[in-house]
Each structure stands twice: as structure tokens, then as C-alpha cells.
């Protein structure tokens, strides 16, 4: 059983859960057998005689290094494109160079399509 889930990567988002609250609304004086609760950071179950703590198991969820490198590259390209577009909006020379670059990309894509 997984007790908790945390993320160590900027590309994984783990949300939700309330590790410090009670799972099931129960009476701590006379709980039913099988009742589950969260006590502090521990998951516990009532066995009919007392609260038994589950072993502390945590899953480690992460991306492999290839995925992290790919996402870092994408972020860098997005930031670069944003910067170029901002400069093009302010500078006609940059805008003209960007237009020529985009036209060259379109021509390259057409040539590649025709050669396939």
C-alpha cells in the first residue's frame, strides 16, 4: 500500500490528499473494526482491539533523464521563440529576418516532403 506520493521533477505535478486529516468520520472511542484513519503522517486501521499502523511506504514518481532533457530542450526553444517574437515586434530588421527564416523553413519542409 502506498502511504504518500511526492514528486521530485519539475515536470510532474502531484496534487490533492490531506495527510493530516481523518480518512473516515469515526468515533475514536468506539470505532468499527476495519475503520481507516490518518493519524499525523501515519495511516492506521482499527483491528477491533487497537489502532494498527501501516508500514510507511512512499512511491517515487519521476521522469527518466532522457525525458527531462527533452522537456528542458522544449522549454529552452519556447523561451527562445518568445524572445525572438518580442524582438521582432520592436525591431523591423529582426521581423524581416524572422519572416525570411520562416519562409526558408516552409521551403525546406516542402523539399523534404517531395523527396520522401
PDB file of N, CA and C in Angstrom:
ATOM      1  N   UNK A   1       0.850  -1.175   0.000  1.00  0.00           N
ATOM      2  CA  UNK A   1       0.000   0.000   0.000  1.00  0.00           C
ATOM      3  C   UNK A   1       0.892   1.234   0.000  1.00  0.00           C
ATOM      4  N   UNK A   2       0.524   2.214  -0.813  1.00  0.00           N
ATOM      5  CA  UNK A   2       1.274   3.466  -0.874  1.00  0.00           C
ATOM      6  C   UNK A   2       0.706   4.416   0.164  1.00  0.00           C
ATOM      7  N   UNK A   3       1.586   4.927   1.005  1.00  0.00           N
ATOM      8  CA  UNK A   3       1.164   5.843   2.057  1.00  0.00           C
ATOM      9  C   UNK A   3       1.115   7.287   1.567  1.00  0.00           C
ATOM     10  N   UNK A   4       2.018   7.642   0.679  1.00  0.00           N
ATOM     11  CA  UNK A   4       2.064   9.018   0.199  1.00  0.00           C
ATOM     12  C   UNK A   4       2.699   9.075  -1.164  1.00  0.00           C
ATOM     13  N   UNK A   5       2.601  10.230  -1.808  1.00  0.00           N
ATOM     14  CA  UNK A   5       3.136  10.417  -3.131  1.00  0.00           C
ATOM     15  C   UNK A   5       3.713  11.815  -3.223  1.00  0.00           C
ATOM     16  N   UNK A   6       4.980  11.902  -3.602  1.00  0.00           N
ATOM     17  CA  UNK A   6       5.623  13.194  -3.786  1.00  0.00           C
ATOM     18  C   UNK A   6       6.318  13.192  -5.144  1.00  0.00           C
ATOM     19  N   UNK A   7       6.589  14.363  -5.681  1.00  0.00           N
ATOM     20  CA  UNK A   7       7.250  14.490  -6.982  1.00  0.00           C
ATOM     21  C   UNK A   7       8.568  15.221  -6.804  1.00  0.00           C
ATOM     22  N   UNK A   8       9.602  14.727  -7.474  1.00  0.00           N
ATOM     23  CA  UNK A   8      10.907  15.370  -7.405  1.00  0.00           C
ATOM     24  C   UNK A   8      11.311  15.974  -8.741  1.00  0.00           C
ATOM     25  N   UNK A   9      10.396  16.047  -9.689  1.00  0.00           N
ATOM     26  CA  UNK A   9      10.679  16.572 -11.018  1.00  0.00           C
ATOM     27  C   UNK A   9       9.835  17.814 -11.269  1.00  0.00           C
ATOM     28  N   UNK A  10      10.402  18.816 -11.960  1.00  0.00           N
ATOM     29  CA  UNK A  10       9.591  19.992 -12.279  1.00  0.00           C
ATOM     30  C   UNK A  10       8.515  19.697 -13.310  1.00  0.00           C
ATOM     31  N   UNK A  11       8.519  18.502 -13.903  1.00  0.00           N
ATOM     32  CA  UNK A  11       7.565  18.146 -14.945  1.00  0.00           C
ATOM     33  C   UNK A  11       6.439  17.246 -14.452  1.00  0.00           C
ATOM     34  N   UNK A  12       6.420  16.937 -13.176  1.00  0.00           N
ATOM     35  CA  UNK A  12       5.356  16.113 -12.614  1.00  0.00           C
ATOM     36  C   UNK A  12       4.657  16.929 -11.543  1.00  0.00           C
ATOM     37  N   UNK A  13       3.342  16.927 -11.590  1.00  0.00           N
ATOM     38  CA  UNK A  13       2.565  17.679 -10.629  1.00  0.00           C
ATOM     39  C   UNK A  13       1.711  16.698  -9.840  1.00  0.00           C
ATOM     40  N   UNK A  14       1.931  16.638  -8.543  1.00  0.00           N
ATOM     41  CA  UNK A  14       1.139  15.775  -7.673  1.00  0.00           C
ATOM     42  C   UNK A  14       0.323  16.695  -6.775  1.00  0.00           C
ATOM     43  N   UNK A  15      -0.990  16.517  -6.802  1.00  0.00           N
ATOM     44  CA  UNK A  15      -1.855  17.372  -6.007  1.00  0.00           C
ATOM     45  C   UNK A  15      -2.852  16.531  -5.231  1.00  0.00           C
ATOM     46  N   UNK A  16      -3.471  17.161  -4.269  1.00  0.00           N
ATOM     47  CA  UNK A  16      -4.561  16.523  -3.541  1.00  0.00           C
ATOM     48  C   UNK A  16      -4.087  15.767  -2.325  1.00  0.00           C
ATOM     49  N   UNK A  17      -5.040  15.237  -1.620  1.00  0.00           N
ATOM     50  CA  UNK A  17      -4.736  14.488  -0.413  1.00  0.00           C
ATOM     51  C   UNK A  17      -4.630  15.390   0.791  1.00  0.00           C
ATOM     52  N   UNK A  18      -4.903  14.820   1.926  1.00  0.00           N
ATOM     53  CA  UNK A  18      -4.793  15.545   3.175  1.00  0.00           C
ATOM     54  C   UNK A  18      -4.145  14.618   4.193  1.00  0.00           C
ATOM     55  N   UNK A  19      -2.806  14.553   4.201  1.00  0.00           N
ATOM     56  CA  UNK A  19      -2.136  13.573   5.047  1.00  0.00           C
ATOM     57  C   UNK A  19      -2.375  13.735   6.540  1.00  0.00           C
ATOM     58  N   UNK A  20      -2.830  14.886   6.988  1.00  0.00           N
ATOM     59  CA  UNK A  20      -3.017  15.064   8.416  1.00  0.00           C
ATOM     60  C   UNK A  20      -4.458  14.939   8.877  1.00  0.00           C
ATOM     61  N   UNK A  21      -5.373  14.577   7.984  1.00  0.00           N
ATOM     62  CA  UNK A  21      -6.766  14.533   8.388  1.00  0.00           C
ATOM     63  C   UNK A  21      -7.283  13.102   8.416  1.00  0.00           C
ATOM     64  N   UNK A  22      -8.434  12.929   9.042  1.00  0.00           N
ATOM     65  CA  UNK A  22      -9.035  11.603   9.169  1.00  0.00           C
ATOM     66  C   UNK A  22      -9.669  11.209   7.849  1.00  0.00           C
ATOM     67  N   UNK A  23      -9.419   9.992   7.412  1.00  0.00           N
ATOM     68  CA  UNK A  23      -9.985   9.441   6.183  1.00  0.00           C
ATOM     69  C   UNK A  23     -11.485   9.230   6.297  1.00  0.00           C
ATOM     70  N   UNK A  24     -11.890   8.588   7.381  1.00  0.00           N
ATOM     71  CA  UNK A  24     -13.279   8.203   7.574  1.00  0.00           C
ATOM     72  C   UNK A  24     -13.768   8.879   8.846  1.00  0.00           C
ATOM     73  N   UNK A  25     -14.968   9.448   8.802  1.00  0.00           N
ATOM     74  CA  UNK A  25     -15.520  10.057  10.007  1.00  0.00           C
ATOM     75  C   UNK A  25     -15.815   8.938  11.008  1.00  0.00           C
ATOM     76  N   UNK A  26     -15.128   8.950  12.125  1.00  0.00           N
ATOM     77  CA  UNK A  26     -15.249   7.842  13.068  1.00  0.00           C
ATOM     78  C   UNK A  26     -15.245   8.333  14.507  1.00  0.00           C
ATOM     79  N   UNK A  27     -15.621   7.444  15.382  1.00  0.00           N
ATOM     80  CA  UNK A  27     -15.538   7.715  16.807  1.00  0.00           C
ATOM     81  C   UNK A  27     -14.236   7.109  17.302  1.00  0.00           C
ATOM     82  N   UNK A  28     -13.352   7.916  17.855  1.00  0.00           N
ATOM     83  CA  UNK A  28     -12.082   7.373  18.345  1.00  0.00           C
ATOM     84  C   UNK A  28     -12.285   6.566  19.627  1.00  0.00           C
ATOM     85  N   UNK A  29     -13.446   6.716  20.271  1.00  0.00           N
ATOM     86  CA  UNK A  29     -13.746   5.962  21.486  1.00  0.00           C
ATOM     87  C   UNK A  29     -14.224   4.558  21.136  1.00  0.00           C
ATOM     88  N   UNK A  30     -15.069   4.427  20.117  1.00  0.00           N
ATOM     89  CA  UNK A  30     -15.637   3.138  19.762  1.00  0.00           C
ATOM     90  C   UNK A  30     -15.671   2.961  18.234  1.00  0.00           C
ATOM     91  N   UNK A  31     -14.510   2.900  17.597  1.00  0.00           N
ATOM     92  CA  UNK A  31     -14.508   2.755  16.145  1.00  0.00           C
ATOM     93  C   UNK A  31     -14.868   1.332  15.716  1.00  0.00           C
ATOM     94  N   UNK A  32     -15.373   1.194  14.519  1.00  0.00           N
ATOM     95  CA  UNK A  32     -15.711  -0.121  13.981  1.00  0.00           C
ATOM     96  C   UNK A  32     -14.444  -0.805  13.482  1.00  0.00           C
ATOM     97  N   UNK A  33     -14.414  -2.124  13.585  1.00  0.00           N
ATOM     98  CA  UNK A  33     -13.288  -2.883  13.063  1.00  0.00           C
ATOM     99  C   UNK A  33     -13.151  -2.609  11.565  1.00  0.00           C
ATOM    100  N   UNK A  34     -11.923  -2.352  11.123  1.00  0.00           N
ATOM    101  CA  UNK A  34     -11.672  -2.054   9.715  1.00  0.00           C
ATOM    102  C   UNK A  34     -11.697  -0.581   9.384  1.00  0.00           C
ATOM    103  N   UNK A  35     -12.050   0.265  10.353  1.00  0.00           N
ATOM    104  CA  UNK A  35     -12.063   1.697  10.113  1.00  0.00           C
ATOM    105  C   UNK A  35     -10.641   2.175   9.849  1.00  0.00           C
ATOM    106  N   UNK A  36     -10.492   3.019   8.853  1.00  0.00           N
ATOM    107  CA  UNK A  36      -9.180   3.543   8.468  1.00  0.00           C
ATOM    108  C   UNK A  36      -9.130   5.019   8.831  1.00  0.00           C
ATOM    109  N   UNK A  37      -7.972   5.459   9.302  1.00  0.00           N
ATOM    110  CA  UNK A  37      -7.787   6.879   9.597  1.00  0.00           C
ATOM    111  C   UNK A  37      -6.348   7.275   9.310  1.00  0.00           C
ATOM    112  N   UNK A  38      -6.148   8.583   9.205  1.00  0.00           N
ATOM    113  CA  UNK A  38      -4.812   9.150   9.108  1.00  0.00           C
ATOM    114  C   UNK A  38      -4.543   9.814  10.441  1.00  0.00           C
ATOM    115  N   UNK A  39      -3.472   9.417  11.089  1.00  0.00           N
ATOM    116  CA  UNK A  39      -3.087   9.946  12.389  1.00  0.00           C
ATOM    117  C   UNK A  39      -1.728  10.595  12.215  1.00  0.00           C
ATOM    118  N   UNK A  40      -1.701  11.932  12.163  1.00  0.00           N
ATOM    119  CA  UNK A  40      -0.446  12.629  11.870  1.00  0.00           C
ATOM    120  C   UNK A  40      -0.044  12.312  10.444  1.00  0.00           C
ATOM    121  N   UNK A  41       1.094  11.675  10.258  1.00  0.00           N
ATOM    122  CA  UNK A  41       1.558  11.260   8.931  1.00  0.00           C
ATOM    123  C   UNK A  41       1.352   9.769   8.703  1.00  0.00           C
ATOM    124  N   UNK A  42       0.665   9.092   9.620  1.00  0.00           N
ATOM    125  CA  UNK A  42       0.521   7.641   9.554  1.00  0.00           C
ATOM    126  C   UNK A  42      -0.891   7.222   9.205  1.00  0.00           C
ATOM    127  N   UNK A  43      -0.985   6.200   8.339  1.00  0.00           N
ATOM    128  CA  UNK A  43      -2.252   5.577   8.008  1.00  0.00           C
ATOM    129  C   UNK A  43      -2.452   4.422   8.984  1.00  0.00           C
ATOM    130  N   UNK A  44      -3.642   4.382   9.629  1.00  0.00           N
ATOM    131  CA  UNK A  44      -3.914   3.361  10.631  1.00  0.00           C
ATOM    132  C   UNK A  44      -5.257   2.684  10.347  1.00  0.00           C
ATOM    133  N   UNK A  45      -5.404   1.443  10.808  1.00  0.00           N
ATOM    134  CA  UNK A  45      -6.656   0.698  10.711  1.00  0.00           C
ATOM    135  C   UNK A  45      -6.980   0.145  12.091  1.00  0.00           C
ATOM    136  N   UNK A  46      -8.259   0.169  12.456  1.00  0.00           N
ATOM    137  CA  UNK A  46      -8.678  -0.366  13.752  1.00  0.00           C
ATOM    138  C   UNK A  46      -8.969  -1.848  13.587  1.00  0.00           C
ATOM    139  N   UNK A  47      -8.275  -2.709  14.340  1.00  0.00           N
ATOM    140  CA  UNK A  47      -8.415  -4.166  14.197  1.00  0.00           C
ATOM    141  C   UNK A  47      -9.420  -4.773  15.181  1.00  0.00           C
ATOM    142  N   UNK A  48     -10.150  -3.950  15.888  1.00  0.00           N
ATOM    143  CA  UNK A  48     -11.109  -4.437  16.877  1.00  0.00           C
ATOM    144  C   UNK A  48     -10.596  -4.258  18.293  1.00  0.00           C
ATOM    145  N   UNK A  49      -9.259  -4.193  18.445  1.00  0.00           N
ATOM    146  CA  UNK A  49      -8.646  -4.007  19.765  1.00  0.00           C
ATOM    147  C   UNK A  49      -7.870  -2.711  19.876  1.00  0.00           C
ATOM    148  N   UNK A  50      -7.308  -2.267  18.766  1.00  0.00           N
ATOM    149  CA  UNK A  50      -6.494  -1.050  18.795  1.00  0.00           C
ATOM    150  C   UNK A  50      -6.137  -0.623  17.388  1.00  0.00           C
ATOM    151  N   UNK A  51      -5.525   0.533  17.307  1.00  0.00           N
ATOM    152  CA  UNK A  51      -5.124   1.084  16.009  1.00  0.00           C
ATOM    153  C   UNK A  51      -3.797   0.481  15.589  1.00  0.00           C
ATOM    154  N   UNK A  52      -3.763  -0.085  14.384  1.00  0.00           N
ATOM    155  CA  UNK A  52      -2.540  -0.674  13.835  1.00  0.00           C
ATOM    156  C   UNK A  52      -2.027   0.230  12.718  1.00  0.00           C
ATOM    157  N   UNK A  53      -0.762   0.578  12.834  1.00  0.00           N
ATOM    158  CA  UNK A  53      -0.148   1.487  11.870  1.00  0.00           C
ATOM    159  C   UNK A  53       0.335   0.705  10.643  1.00  0.00           C
ATOM    160  N   UNK A  54       0.027   1.222   9.448  1.00  0.00           N
ATOM    161  CA  UNK A  54       0.551   0.642   8.214  1.00  0.00           C
ATOM    162  C   UNK A  54       2.027   0.991   8.090  1.00  0.00           C
ATOM    163  N   UNK A  55       2.766   0.149   7.408  1.00  0.00           N
ATOM    164  CA  UNK A  55       4.179   0.449   7.148  1.00  0.00           C
ATOM    165  C   UNK A  55       4.268   1.720   6.303  1.00  0.00           C
ATOM    166  N   UNK A  56       5.299   2.484   6.525  1.00  0.00           N
ATOM    167  CA  UNK A  56       5.492   3.745   5.807  1.00  0.00           C
ATOM    168  C   UNK A  56       6.100   3.460   4.436  1.00  0.00           C
ATOM    169  N   UNK A  57       5.269   3.400   3.421  1.00  0.00           N
ATOM    170  CA  UNK A  57       5.732   3.186   2.059  1.00  0.00           C
ATOM    171  C   UNK A  57       5.410   4.408   1.214  1.00  0.00           C
ATOM    172  N   UNK A  58       6.391   4.883   0.487  1.00  0.00           N
ATOM    173  CA  UNK A  58       6.210   6.019  -0.393  1.00  0.00           C
ATOM    174  C   UNK A  58       6.652   5.630  -1.795  1.00  0.00           C
ATOM    175  N   UNK A  59       5.874   5.990  -2.776  1.00  0.00           N
ATOM    176  CA  UNK A  59       6.249   5.760  -4.170  1.00  0.00           C
ATOM    177  C   UNK A  59       7.103   6.930  -4.639  1.00  0.00           C
ATOM    178  N   UNK A  60       8.076   6.640  -5.463  1.00  0.00           N
ATOM    179  CA  UNK A  60       8.905   7.674  -6.068  1.00  0.00           C
ATOM    180  C   UNK A  60       8.531   7.750  -7.537  1.00  0.00           C
ATOM    181  N   UNK A  61       7.918   8.844  -7.933  1.00  0.00           N
ATOM    182  CA  UNK A  61       7.494   9.030  -9.308  1.00  0.00           C
ATOM    183  C   UNK A  61       8.405  10.073  -9.934  1.00  0.00           C
ATOM    184  N   UNK A  62       9.042   9.707 -11.039  1.00  0.00           N
ATOM    185  CA  UNK A  62       9.922  10.659 -11.702  1.00  0.00           C
ATOM    186  C   UNK A  62      10.041  10.319 -13.176  1.00  0.00           C
ATOM    187  N   UNK A  63      10.575  11.243 -13.929  1.00  0.00           N
ATOM    188  CA  UNK A  63      10.846  11.023 -15.341  1.00  0.00           C
ATOM    189  C   UNK A  63      12.283  10.551 -15.497  1.00  0.00           C
ATOM    190  N   UNK A  64      12.539   9.765 -16.534  1.00  0.00           N
ATOM    191  CA  UNK A  64      13.931   9.383 -16.780  1.00  0.00           C
ATOM    192  C   UNK A  64      14.680  10.589 -17.340  1.00  0.00           C
ATOM    193  N   UNK A  65      16.002  10.495 -17.367  1.00  0.00           N
ATOM    194  CA  UNK A  65      16.828  11.644 -17.761  1.00  0.00           C
ATOM    195  C   UNK A  65      16.596  12.053 -19.212  1.00  0.00           C
ATOM    196  N   UNK A  66      16.291  11.098 -20.067  1.00  0.00           N
ATOM    197  CA  UNK A  66      16.011  11.435 -21.466  1.00  0.00           C
ATOM    198  C   UNK A  66      14.770  12.322 -21.566  1.00  0.00           C
ATOM    199  N   UNK A  67      13.735  11.991 -20.813  1.00  0.00           N
ATOM    200  CA  UNK A  67      12.519  12.802 -20.816  1.00  0.00           C
ATOM    201  C   UNK A  67      12.789  14.186 -20.238  1.00  0.00           C
ATOM    202  N   UNK A  68      13.570  14.261 -19.174  1.00  0.00           N
ATOM    203  CA  UNK A  68      13.901  15.553 -18.569  1.00  0.00           C
ATOM    204  C   UNK A  68      14.687  16.409 -19.562  1.00  0.00           C
ATOM    205  N   UNK A  69      15.667  15.800 -20.247  1.00  0.00           N
ATOM    206  CA  UNK A  69      16.452  16.554 -21.242  1.00  0.00           C
ATOM    207  C   UNK A  69      15.558  17.053 -22.374  1.00  0.00           C
ATOM    208  N   UNK A  70      14.644  16.200 -22.834  1.00  0.00           N
ATOM    209  CA  UNK A  70      13.739  16.602 -23.919  1.00  0.00           C
ATOM    210  C   UNK A  70      12.856  17.766 -23.481  1.00  0.00           C
ATOM    211  N   UNK A  71      12.312  17.687 -22.285  1.00  0.00           N
ATOM    212  CA  UNK A  71      11.444  18.765 -21.797  1.00  0.00           C
ATOM    213  C   UNK A  71      12.235  20.041 -21.537  1.00  0.00           C
ATOM    214  N   UNK A  72      13.467  19.909 -21.056  1.00  0.00           N
ATOM    215  CA  UNK A  72      14.325  21.091 -20.893  1.00  0.00           C
ATOM    216  C   UNK A  72      14.595  21.752 -22.240  1.00  0.00           C
ATOM    217  N   UNK A  73      14.849  20.930 -23.277  1.00  0.00           N
ATOM    218  CA  UNK A  73      15.103  21.450 -24.619  1.00  0.00           C
ATOM    219  C   UNK A  73      13.874  22.185 -25.143  1.00  0.00           C
ATOM    220  N   UNK A  74      12.691  21.597 -24.946  1.00  0.00           N
ATOM    221  CA  UNK A  74      11.448  22.226 -25.395  1.00  0.00           C
ATOM    222  C   UNK A  74      11.249  23.566 -24.692  1.00  0.00           C
ATOM    223  N   UNK A  75      11.486  23.587 -23.381  1.00  0.00           N
ATOM    224  CA  UNK A  75      11.321  24.849 -22.638  1.00  0.00           C
ATOM    225  C   UNK A  75      12.286  25.913 -23.165  1.00  0.00           C
ATOM    226  N   UNK A  76      13.527  25.509 -23.412  1.00  0.00           N
ATOM    227  CA  UNK A  76      14.522  26.447 -23.928  1.00  0.00           C
ATOM    228  C   UNK A  76      14.106  26.988 -25.303  1.00  0.00           C
ATOM    229  N   UNK A  77      13.607  26.117 -26.170  1.00  0.00           N
ATOM    230  CA  UNK A  77      13.155  26.549 -27.501  1.00  0.00           C
ATOM    231  C   UNK A  77      11.956  27.488 -27.399  1.00  0.00           C
ATOM    232  N   UNK A  78      11.036  27.191 -26.512  1.00  0.00           N
ATOM    233  CA  UNK A  78       9.870  28.060 -26.334  1.00  0.00           C
ATOM    234  C   UNK A  78      10.305  29.453 -25.869  1.00  0.00           C
ATOM    235  N   UNK A  79      11.233  29.494 -24.911  1.00  0.00           N
ATOM    236  CA  UNK A  79      11.722  30.782 -24.416  1.00  0.00           C
ATOM    237  C   UNK A  79      12.456  31.542 -25.516  1.00  0.00           C
ATOM    238  N   UNK A  80      13.241  30.814 -26.324  1.00  0.00           N
ATOM    239  CA  UNK A  80      13.968  31.430 -27.428  1.00  0.00           C
ATOM    240  C   UNK A  80      13.001  32.006 -28.456  1.00  0.00           C
ATOM    241  N   UNK A  81      11.965  31.245 -28.824  1.00  0.00           N
ATOM    242  CA  UNK A  81      10.983  31.731 -29.787  1.00  0.00           C
ATOM    243  C   UNK A  81      10.221  32.943 -29.256  1.00  0.00           C
ATOM    244  N   UNK A  82       9.878  32.919 -27.985  1.00  0.00           N
ATOM    245  CA  UNK A  82       9.186  34.060 -27.377  1.00  0.00           C
ATOM    246  C   UNK A  82      10.065  35.305 -27.442  1.00  0.00           C
ATOM    247  N   UNK A  83      11.341  35.134 -27.103  1.00  0.00           N
ATOM    248  CA  UNK A  83      12.279  36.270 -27.132  1.00  0.00           C
ATOM    249  C   UNK A  83      12.407  36.825 -28.550  1.00  0.00           C
ATOM    250  N   UNK A  84      12.529  35.939 -29.543  1.00  0.00           N
ATOM    251  CA  UNK A  84      12.669  36.378 -30.935  1.00  0.00           C
ATOM    252  C   UNK A  84      11.412  37.124 -31.380  1.00  0.00           C
ATOM    253  N   UNK A  85      10.239  36.617 -31.036  1.00  0.00           N
ATOM    254  CA  UNK A  85       8.983  37.278 -31.436  1.00  0.00           C
ATOM    255  C   UNK A  85       8.834  38.643 -30.752  1.00  0.00           C
ATOM    256  N   UNK A  86       9.258  38.732 -29.498  1.00  0.00           N
ATOM    257  CA  UNK A  86       9.218  40.028 -28.806  1.00  0.00           C
ATOM    258  C   UNK A  86      10.151  41.031 -29.476  1.00  0.00           C
ATOM    259  N   UNK A  87      11.358  40.558 -29.841  1.00  0.00           N
ATOM    260  CA  UNK A  87      12.306  41.441 -30.527  1.00  0.00           C
ATOM    261  C   UNK A  87      11.775  41.840 -31.904  1.00  0.00           C
ATOM    262  N   UNK A  88      11.138  40.889 -32.606  1.00  0.00           N
ATOM    263  CA  UNK A  88      10.600  41.171 -33.935  1.00  0.00           C
ATOM    264  C   UNK A  88       9.482  42.209 -33.867  1.00  0.00           C
ATOM    265  N   UNK A  89       8.723  42.205 -32.791  1.00  0.00           N
ATOM    266  CA  UNK A  89       7.642  43.177 -32.634  1.00  0.00           C
ATOM    267  C   UNK A  89       8.182  44.594 -32.448  1.00  0.00           C
ATOM    268  N   UNK A  90       9.418  44.708 -31.974  1.00  0.00           N
ATOM    269  CA  UNK A  90      10.006  46.020 -31.688  1.00  0.00           C
ATOM    270  C   UNK A  90      10.998  46.469 -32.754  1.00  0.00           C
ATOM    271  N   UNK A  91      11.522  45.519 -33.533  1.00  0.00           N
ATOM    272  CA  UNK A  91      12.623  45.830 -34.436  1.00  0.00           C
ATOM    273  C   UNK A  91      12.303  45.303 -35.833  1.00  0.00           C
ATOM    274  N   UNK A  92      12.163  46.200 -36.822  1.00  0.00           N
ATOM    275  CA  UNK A  92      11.816  45.763 -38.179  1.00  0.00           C
ATOM    276  C   UNK A  92      12.870  44.852 -38.815  1.00  0.00           C
ATOM    277  N   UNK A  93      14.129  45.044 -38.489  1.00  0.00           N
ATOM    278  CA  UNK A  93      15.189  44.200 -39.054  1.00  0.00           C
ATOM    279  C   UNK A  93      15.038  42.769 -38.548  1.00  0.00           C
ATOM    280  N   UNK A  94      14.762  42.618 -37.258  1.00  0.00           N
ATOM    281  CA  UNK A  94      14.543  41.287 -36.682  1.00  0.00           C
ATOM    282  C   UNK A  94      13.269  40.674 -37.274  1.00  0.00           C
ATOM    283  N   UNK A  95      12.225  41.480 -37.441  1.00  0.00           N
ATOM    284  CA  UNK A  95      10.972  40.989 -38.018  1.00  0.00           C
ATOM    285  C   UNK A  95      11.191  40.469 -39.429  1.00  0.00           C
ATOM    286  N   UNK A  96      11.985  41.189 -40.234  1.00  0.00           N
ATOM    287  CA  UNK A  96      12.274  40.755 -41.594  1.00  0.00           C
ATOM    288  C   UNK A  96      13.094  39.459 -41.589  1.00  0.00           C
ATOM    289  N   UNK A  97      14.079  39.372 -40.717  1.00  0.00           N
ATOM    290  CA  UNK A  97      14.895  38.157 -40.619  1.00  0.00           C
ATOM    291  C   UNK A  97      14.039  36.964 -40.188  1.00  0.00           C
ATOM    292  N   UNK A  98      13.119  37.184 -39.264  1.00  0.00           N
ATOM    293  CA  UNK A  98      12.231  36.120 -38.809  1.00  0.00           C
ATOM    294  C   UNK A  98      11.315  35.662 -39.949  1.00  0.00           C
ATOM    295  N   UNK A  99      10.788  36.613 -40.713  1.00  0.00           N
ATOM    296  CA  UNK A  99       9.932  36.271 -41.847  1.00  0.00           C
ATOM    297  C   UNK A  99      10.699  35.422 -42.862  1.00  0.00           C
ATOM    298  N   UNK A 100      11.938  35.818 -43.168  1.00  0.00           N
ATOM    299  CA  UNK A 100      12.761  35.050 -44.118  1.00  0.00           C
ATOM    300  C   UNK A 100      13.076  33.658 -43.573  1.00  0.00           C
ATOM    301  N   UNK A 101      13.350  33.594 -42.293  1.00  0.00           N
ATOM    302  CA  UNK A 101      13.635  32.297 -41.655  1.00  0.00           C
ATOM    303  C   UNK A 101      12.427  31.369 -41.759  1.00  0.00           C
ATOM    304  N   UNK A 102      11.243  31.895 -41.474  1.00  0.00           N
ATOM    305  CA  UNK A 102      10.018  31.091 -41.546  1.00  0.00           C
ATOM    306  C   UNK A 102       9.737  30.638 -42.972  1.00  0.00           C
ATOM    307  N   UNK A 103      10.004  31.511 -43.952  1.00  0.00           N
ATOM    308  CA  UNK A 103       9.840  31.122 -45.356  1.00  0.00           C
ATOM    309  C   UNK A 103      10.820  30.012 -45.729  1.00  0.00           C
ATOM    310  N   UNK A 104      12.053  30.126 -45.269  1.00  0.00           N
ATOM    311  CA  UNK A 104      13.056  29.085 -45.543  1.00  0.00           C
ATOM    312  C   UNK A 104      12.655  27.758 -44.910  1.00  0.00           C
ATOM    313  N   UNK A 105      12.086  27.810 -43.713  1.00  0.00           N
ATOM    314  CA  UNK A 105      11.607  26.585 -43.058  1.00  0.00           C
ATOM    315  C   UNK A 105      10.504  25.936 -43.884  1.00  0.00           C
ATOM    316  N   UNK A 106       9.564  26.739 -44.374  1.00  0.00           N
ATOM    317  CA  UNK A 106       8.478  26.212 -45.195  1.00  0.00           C
ATOM    318  C   UNK A 106       9.023  25.572 -46.469  1.00  0.00           C
ATOM    319  N   UNK A 107      10.015  26.226 -47.104  1.00  0.00           N
ATOM    320  CA  UNK A 107      10.615  25.661 -48.311  1.00  0.00           C
ATOM    321  C   UNK A 107      11.314  24.342 -48.009  1.00  0.00           C
ATOM    322  N   UNK A 108      12.033  24.296 -46.902  1.00  0.00           N
ATOM    323  CA  UNK A 108      12.713  23.061 -46.514  1.00  0.00           C
ATOM    324  C   UNK A 108      11.716  21.939 -46.280  1.00  0.00           C
ATOM    325  N   UNK A 109      10.628  22.234 -45.598  1.00  0.00           N
ATOM    326  CA  UNK A 109       9.597  21.223 -45.344  1.00  0.00           C
ATOM    327  C   UNK A 109       8.996  20.718 -46.659  1.00  0.00           C
ATOM    328  N   UNK A 110       8.794  21.619 -47.618  1.00  0.00           N
ATOM    329  CA  UNK A 110       8.251  21.215 -48.906  1.00  0.00           C
ATOM    330  C   UNK A 110       9.239  20.307 -49.651  1.00  0.00           C
ATOM    331  N   UNK A 111      10.514  20.676 -49.657  1.00  0.00           N
ATOM    332  CA  UNK A 111      11.535  19.848 -50.302  1.00  0.00           C
ATOM    333  C   UNK A 111      11.629  18.484 -49.651  1.00  0.00           C
ATOM    334  N   UNK A 112      11.602  18.439 -48.332  1.00  0.00           N
ATOM    335  CA  UNK A 112      11.656  17.154 -47.632  1.00  0.00           C
ATOM    336  C   UNK A 112      10.444  16.295 -47.968  1.00  0.00           C
ATOM    337  N   UNK A 113       9.284  16.916 -48.049  1.00  0.00           N
ATOM    338  CA  UNK A 113       8.071  16.172 -48.394  1.00  0.00           C
ATOM    339  C   UNK A 113       8.181  15.606 -49.803  1.00  0.00           C
ATOM    340  N   UNK A 114       8.687  16.404 -50.728  1.00  0.00           N
ATOM    341  CA  UNK A 114       8.820  15.948 -52.109  1.00  0.00           C
ATOM    342  C   UNK A 114       9.883  14.858 -52.256  1.00  0.00           C
ATOM    343  N   UNK A 115      10.908  14.890 -51.447  1.00  0.00           N
ATOM    344  CA  UNK A 115      11.974  13.893 -51.566  1.00  0.00           C
ATOM    345  C   UNK A 115      11.610  12.587 -50.877  1.00  0.00           C
ATOM    346  N   UNK A 116      10.615  12.622 -50.019  1.00  0.00           N
ATOM    347  CA  UNK A 116      10.178  11.376 -49.369  1.00  0.00           C
ATOM    348  C   UNK A 116       9.345  10.644 -50.330  1.00  0.00           C
TER     349      UNK A 116
END
